[in-house]
N, C-alpha and C. Protein backbone atom coordinates (compact mmCIF):
# COMPACT_ATOMS: atom_id res chain seq x y z
N MET A 1 -10.89 -18.18 1.78
CA MET A 1 -9.87 -17.73 2.28
C MET A 1 -8.32 -17.58 1.46
N GLU A 2 -8.08 -16.50 1.44
CA GLU A 2 -6.93 -16.54 0.55
C GLU A 2 -5.50 -16.85 1.68
N THR A 3 -4.65 -17.39 1.07
CA THR A 3 -3.55 -18.19 1.97
C THR A 3 -2.64 -16.80 2.59
N LEU A 4 -2.00 -17.24 3.28
CA LEU A 4 -0.98 -15.92 4.27
C LEU A 4 -0.14 -16.06 3.03
N ALA A 5 0.69 -16.94 2.52
CA ALA A 5 1.47 -16.71 1.31
C ALA A 5 1.19 -15.22 0.14
N LYS A 6 0.06 -15.51 -0.26
CA LYS A 6 -0.52 -14.40 -0.86
C LYS A 6 -0.43 -12.98 -0.38
N LYS A 7 -1.10 -13.20 0.90
CA LYS A 7 -0.90 -11.56 1.68
C LYS A 7 0.44 -11.06 1.71
N SER A 8 1.50 -12.36 2.20
CA SER A 8 2.93 -11.87 2.52
C SER A 8 3.62 -11.36 0.91
N LEU A 9 2.71 -11.93 -0.18
CA LEU A 9 3.59 -11.45 -1.50
C LEU A 9 2.87 -9.96 -1.83
N ILE A 10 1.99 -9.96 -1.23
CA ILE A 10 1.30 -8.47 -1.58
C ILE A 10 1.79 -7.44 -0.74
N ALA A 11 2.36 -7.69 0.67
CA ALA A 11 3.00 -6.63 1.61
C ALA A 11 4.72 -6.96 0.90
N ILE A 12 5.37 -7.58 0.21
CA ILE A 12 6.03 -7.56 -0.52
C ILE A 12 6.26 -6.80 -1.44
N LEU A 13 4.98 -7.09 -2.48
CA LEU A 13 4.93 -5.82 -3.72
C LEU A 13 4.81 -4.27 -3.07
N GLY A 14 3.94 -4.14 -1.73
CA GLY A 14 4.05 -2.86 -1.79
C GLY A 14 5.48 -2.43 -1.00
N VAL A 15 6.10 -3.08 -0.44
CA VAL A 15 7.38 -2.84 -0.13
C VAL A 15 8.37 -2.17 -1.21
N LEU A 16 8.25 -3.12 -2.64
CA LEU A 16 8.85 -3.31 -3.71
C LEU A 16 8.44 -1.97 -4.60
N VAL A 17 7.01 -1.75 -4.65
CA VAL A 17 6.59 -0.38 -5.34
C VAL A 17 6.97 0.77 -4.74
N SER A 18 7.04 0.84 -3.15
CA SER A 18 7.22 2.01 -2.57
C SER A 18 8.76 2.41 -2.90
N LEU A 19 9.66 1.44 -2.88
CA LEU A 19 11.04 1.53 -3.11
C LEU A 19 11.11 1.90 -4.85
N ILE A 20 10.96 1.32 -5.23
CA ILE A 20 10.91 1.77 -7.08
C ILE A 20 10.49 3.20 -6.95
N THR A 21 9.04 3.60 -6.76
CA THR A 21 8.19 4.97 -7.13
C THR A 21 9.48 5.83 -6.12
N TYR A 22 10.23 5.36 -5.14
CA TYR A 22 10.64 6.69 -4.18
C TYR A 22 12.09 6.85 -4.94
N TYR A 23 12.80 5.77 -5.32
CA TYR A 23 13.81 5.88 -6.18
C TYR A 23 14.29 6.30 -7.51
N PHE A 24 13.05 5.82 -8.03
CA PHE A 24 13.34 6.14 -9.76
C PHE A 24 12.11 7.16 -10.11
N MET A 25 11.28 8.01 -9.25
CA MET A 25 10.18 8.68 -9.85
C MET A 25 10.13 9.89 -8.68
N TYR A 26 9.88 9.70 -7.37
CA TYR A 26 9.86 10.56 -6.34
C TYR A 26 9.06 11.96 -6.80
N GLY A 27 7.74 11.91 -6.68
CA GLY A 27 6.98 13.56 -7.24
C GLY A 27 5.45 12.99 -6.63
N TRP A 28 4.77 13.63 -7.10
CA TRP A 28 3.20 13.86 -6.76
C TRP A 28 2.78 12.66 -7.71
N TYR A 29 3.27 12.30 -9.00
CA TYR A 29 2.80 11.54 -10.04
C TYR A 29 3.04 9.97 -9.50
N ASP A 30 3.52 9.69 -8.54
CA ASP A 30 3.74 8.40 -7.93
C ASP A 30 2.65 8.07 -7.81
N ILE A 31 1.53 8.45 -7.31
CA ILE A 31 0.15 8.23 -7.07
C ILE A 31 -0.43 7.20 -8.35
N PHE A 32 0.29 7.25 -9.37
CA PHE A 32 -0.48 6.84 -10.58
C PHE A 32 -0.15 5.07 -10.56
N PRO A 33 1.18 4.72 -10.22
CA PRO A 33 1.58 3.27 -10.36
C PRO A 33 1.27 2.77 -9.00
N TRP A 34 0.80 3.27 -8.11
CA TRP A 34 0.46 3.18 -6.45
C TRP A 34 -1.12 2.66 -7.15
N ALA A 35 -1.97 3.37 -7.68
CA ALA A 35 -3.39 3.07 -7.87
C ALA A 35 -3.54 2.16 -9.09
N ILE A 36 -2.55 1.73 -9.72
CA ILE A 36 -2.50 0.81 -10.74
C ILE A 36 -2.56 -0.55 -10.36
N VAL A 37 -1.53 -0.57 -9.41
CA VAL A 37 -1.01 -1.57 -8.72
C VAL A 37 -2.43 -2.06 -7.77
N ALA A 38 -3.04 -1.14 -7.09
CA ALA A 38 -4.04 -1.67 -6.49
C ALA A 38 -5.42 -1.84 -6.92
N LEU A 39 -5.53 -1.46 -8.21
CA LEU A 39 -6.43 -2.01 -9.07
C LEU A 39 -6.51 -3.18 -9.05
N ILE A 40 -5.16 -3.70 -9.75
CA ILE A 40 -4.69 -4.85 -10.38
C ILE A 40 -5.08 -5.71 -8.93
N ILE A 41 -4.80 -5.45 -7.82
CA ILE A 41 -4.86 -6.27 -6.78
C ILE A 41 -6.36 -6.19 -6.35
N GLY A 42 -7.33 -5.50 -6.77
CA GLY A 42 -8.82 -5.46 -6.48
C GLY A 42 -9.34 -6.51 -7.42
N TYR A 43 -8.73 -6.33 -8.77
CA TYR A 43 -9.27 -6.89 -10.15
C TYR A 43 -8.82 -8.61 -9.78
N THR A 44 -7.94 -8.97 -9.10
CA THR A 44 -7.53 -10.18 -9.08
C THR A 44 -7.84 -10.77 -8.08
N SER A 45 -8.27 -10.34 -6.77
CA SER A 45 -9.09 -10.89 -5.60
C SER A 45 -10.50 -11.70 -6.00
N LYS A 46 -10.57 -12.49 -5.03
CA LYS A 46 -11.93 -13.50 -5.21
C LYS A 46 -13.07 -12.71 -4.96
N ASN A 47 -13.07 -12.06 -3.55
CA ASN A 47 -14.28 -11.56 -3.83
C ASN A 47 -14.11 -9.78 -2.87
N ARG A 48 -15.23 -9.23 -2.36
CA ARG A 48 -14.90 -8.04 -2.01
C ARG A 48 -14.28 -7.67 -0.56
N ARG A 49 -14.38 -8.64 -0.09
CA ARG A 49 -13.84 -8.76 1.36
C ARG A 49 -12.06 -9.02 1.26
N SER A 50 -11.45 -9.90 0.49
CA SER A 50 -10.39 -9.97 0.28
C SER A 50 -9.64 -8.84 -0.87
N SER A 51 -10.45 -8.19 -1.39
CA SER A 51 -10.33 -7.39 -2.38
C SER A 51 -10.15 -6.04 -1.33
N ILE A 52 -10.30 -5.89 -0.30
CA ILE A 52 -10.55 -4.62 0.69
C ILE A 52 -9.27 -4.90 1.73
N VAL A 53 -9.04 -6.32 2.32
CA VAL A 53 -7.99 -6.94 2.96
C VAL A 53 -6.84 -6.71 2.37
N ASN A 54 -6.57 -7.08 1.04
CA ASN A 54 -5.44 -7.14 0.17
C ASN A 54 -5.03 -5.70 -0.14
N GLY A 55 -6.16 -4.86 -0.45
CA GLY A 55 -5.66 -3.63 -0.57
C GLY A 55 -5.24 -3.04 0.96
N ALA A 56 -5.66 -3.05 1.62
CA ALA A 56 -4.90 -2.19 2.75
C ALA A 56 -3.98 -2.82 3.26
N ILE A 57 -3.64 -4.01 2.67
CA ILE A 57 -2.23 -4.62 3.20
C ILE A 57 -1.29 -3.71 2.59
N PHE A 58 -1.43 -3.86 0.96
CA PHE A 58 -0.62 -3.40 0.18
C PHE A 58 -0.04 -1.86 0.20
N GLY A 59 -1.33 -0.88 0.68
CA GLY A 59 -1.01 0.29 0.87
C GLY A 59 -0.71 0.50 2.30
N TYR A 60 -0.69 -0.27 3.03
CA TYR A 60 -0.23 -0.30 4.76
C TYR A 60 1.25 -0.20 4.15
N PHE A 61 1.75 -1.29 3.47
CA PHE A 61 2.88 -1.59 3.45
C PHE A 61 4.02 -0.57 2.56
N LEU A 62 2.93 0.02 1.40
CA LEU A 62 3.59 0.94 0.70
C LEU A 62 3.80 2.61 1.48
N PHE A 63 2.80 2.87 1.97
CA PHE A 63 3.26 4.12 2.89
C PHE A 63 4.01 4.23 3.73
N LEU A 64 4.24 2.90 4.79
CA LEU A 64 5.15 2.57 5.81
C LEU A 64 6.32 2.63 5.18
N VAL A 65 6.76 1.93 4.14
CA VAL A 65 8.21 2.14 3.69
C VAL A 65 8.17 3.30 2.73
N TYR A 66 7.75 4.15 2.19
CA TYR A 66 7.80 4.99 1.49
C TYR A 66 7.86 6.35 2.46
N ILE A 67 8.02 6.39 3.15
CA ILE A 67 7.85 7.52 4.43
C ILE A 67 8.85 7.16 5.10
N PHE A 68 9.45 6.06 5.37
CA PHE A 68 10.27 5.53 5.70
C PHE A 68 11.91 5.97 5.16
N ALA A 69 11.76 5.60 3.92
CA ALA A 69 12.69 5.74 2.99
C ALA A 69 13.38 7.40 2.67
N GLY A 70 12.05 8.20 2.81
CA GLY A 70 12.32 9.21 2.65
C GLY A 70 12.63 10.16 4.18
N TYR A 71 12.82 9.59 5.32
CA TYR A 71 13.17 10.10 6.52
C TYR A 71 14.68 10.74 6.41
N LYS A 72 14.85 11.89 6.49
CA LYS A 72 15.72 12.71 6.43
C LYS A 72 16.24 13.24 8.25
N GLY A 73 15.42 13.40 8.77
CA GLY A 73 15.58 13.92 10.26
C GLY A 73 16.75 13.46 11.10
N LYS A 74 16.88 13.62 12.39
CA LYS A 74 17.51 13.43 13.42
C LYS A 74 17.38 12.01 13.92
N THR A 75 18.45 11.29 13.98
CA THR A 75 18.58 9.85 14.26
C THR A 75 18.49 9.40 15.77
N ASP A 76 18.32 10.43 16.82
CA ASP A 76 18.41 9.84 18.25
C ASP A 76 17.24 9.18 18.44
N ALA A 77 17.26 8.55 19.32
CA ALA A 77 16.23 7.75 19.88
C ALA A 77 15.13 8.32 20.05
N GLY A 78 14.77 9.69 21.08
CA GLY A 78 13.39 10.00 20.83
C GLY A 78 12.72 10.44 19.57
N ASN A 79 13.68 11.13 18.93
CA ASN A 79 13.26 11.36 17.21
C ASN A 79 12.66 10.23 16.90
N MET A 80 13.49 9.15 16.59
CA MET A 80 12.83 8.31 15.75
C MET A 80 11.69 7.40 16.18
N ILE A 81 11.49 7.49 17.73
CA ILE A 81 10.67 6.35 18.00
C ILE A 81 8.91 7.10 17.92
N LYS A 82 9.35 8.72 17.93
CA LYS A 82 8.24 9.36 17.56
C LYS A 82 7.91 9.36 15.74
N PHE A 83 9.06 9.12 15.24
CA PHE A 83 9.14 9.17 13.82
C PHE A 83 8.22 8.00 13.24
N ILE A 84 8.50 7.04 14.13
CA ILE A 84 8.14 5.49 13.58
C ILE A 84 7.01 5.50 14.14
N LEU A 85 6.28 5.74 15.32
CA LEU A 85 4.62 6.04 15.66
C LEU A 85 4.05 6.81 14.32
N PHE A 86 4.45 8.03 14.04
CA PHE A 86 3.88 8.97 13.04
C PHE A 86 3.72 7.85 11.88
N ASP A 87 5.16 7.11 11.54
CA ASP A 87 4.84 6.61 10.25
C ASP A 87 3.59 5.13 10.38
N MET A 88 3.93 4.59 11.29
CA MET A 88 2.85 3.59 11.53
C MET A 88 1.26 4.12 11.47
N LEU A 89 0.93 5.19 12.23
CA LEU A 89 -0.41 5.73 12.14
C LEU A 89 -0.66 6.44 10.88
N PHE A 90 0.46 6.93 10.22
CA PHE A 90 -0.13 7.76 9.10
C PHE A 90 -0.22 6.73 7.80
N SER A 91 0.45 5.31 7.86
CA SER A 91 0.52 4.60 6.87
C SER A 91 -0.94 3.84 6.92
N LEU A 92 -1.94 4.09 8.09
CA LEU A 92 -3.17 3.72 7.93
C LEU A 92 -3.82 4.58 6.41
N VAL A 93 -3.58 5.28 6.50
CA VAL A 93 -4.41 6.45 5.75
C VAL A 93 -3.80 5.74 4.02
N GLY A 94 -2.92 5.24 3.82
CA GLY A 94 -2.46 4.26 2.96
C GLY A 94 -3.13 2.98 2.17
N ALA A 95 -4.06 2.50 3.82
CA ALA A 95 -4.29 1.07 3.75
C ALA A 95 -5.58 1.53 3.63
N VAL A 96 -6.39 2.84 3.85
CA VAL A 96 -7.66 2.83 3.32
C VAL A 96 -7.89 3.41 2.26
N ALA A 97 -6.63 4.22 1.52
CA ALA A 97 -7.01 4.52 0.22
C ALA A 97 -6.82 3.41 -0.79
N SER A 98 -5.81 2.83 -0.28
CA SER A 98 -5.72 1.48 -1.31
C SER A 98 -6.76 0.74 -1.49
N SER A 99 -7.34 0.24 -0.12
CA SER A 99 -8.32 -0.47 0.05
C SER A 99 -9.62 -0.28 -0.90
N ILE A 100 -9.79 1.38 -0.71
CA ILE A 100 -10.95 1.87 -1.30
C ILE A 100 -10.48 1.50 -2.81
N GLY A 101 -9.58 1.69 -3.65
CA GLY A 101 -9.36 1.14 -4.78
C GLY A 101 -9.27 -0.22 -5.23
N SER A 102 -8.89 -1.05 -4.53
CA SER A 102 -8.97 -2.31 -4.65
C SER A 102 -10.41 -2.67 -4.87
N PHE A 103 -11.18 -2.10 -3.81
CA PHE A 103 -12.68 -2.53 -3.80
C PHE A 103 -13.33 -2.16 -4.70
N ILE A 104 -13.04 -0.95 -5.35
CA ILE A 104 -14.00 -0.40 -6.68
C ILE A 104 -13.30 -1.24 -7.82
N ALA A 105 -12.08 -1.58 -8.04
CA ALA A 105 -11.51 -2.73 -9.07
C ALA A 105 -12.51 -3.87 -8.90
N ASN A 106 -12.79 -4.27 -8.20
CA ASN A 106 -12.94 -5.61 -7.49
C ASN A 106 -14.84 -5.24 -8.11
N TRP A 107 -15.25 -4.17 -7.46
CA TRP A 107 -16.94 -3.96 -8.11
C TRP A 107 -16.60 -3.72 -9.11
N LEU A 108 -15.93 -3.26 -10.29
CA LEU A 108 -16.04 -3.42 -11.46
C LEU A 108 -15.96 -4.41 -12.32
N LYS A 109 -15.00 -5.38 -11.58
CA LYS A 109 -15.02 -6.57 -12.25
C LYS A 109 -16.43 -7.30 -12.42
N GLY A 110 -16.94 -7.39 -11.08
CA GLY A 110 -18.31 -7.73 -11.44
C GLY A 110 -19.48 -7.05 -12.09
N LYS A 111 -19.00 -6.12 -12.62
CA LYS A 111 -20.18 -5.28 -13.19
C LYS A 111 -19.68 -5.28 -14.67
N CYS A 112 -18.68 -5.78 -14.85
CA CYS A 112 -18.29 -5.99 -16.31
C CYS A 112 -17.96 -7.31 -17.03
N VAL A 113 -17.92 -8.39 -16.24
CA VAL A 113 -17.95 -9.64 -16.62
C VAL A 113 -19.27 -10.21 -16.55
């Protein structure tokens, strides 16, 4: 089992990648660095299970911060609560997508090595 420190670093990596791509790229092509990092996470994971978990952590924090950074709506409490709930639920899509990419990279590592 991988350490909590590694999982925390992966979460921080998700935050950093989302902020960098939001402020310096911001477009549909953001998906390329996201996919590359997810593949690297999967390739460096010890086994399939850890690649899925690590990819999900990365993708969740990636989407969470990216969507939150782009929020330009109203700042009253009701709208913020709705937005935060939406953001937390939609970030699950990022977790699924990134865990699939991470799993594929880990699977390919087993096939190529």
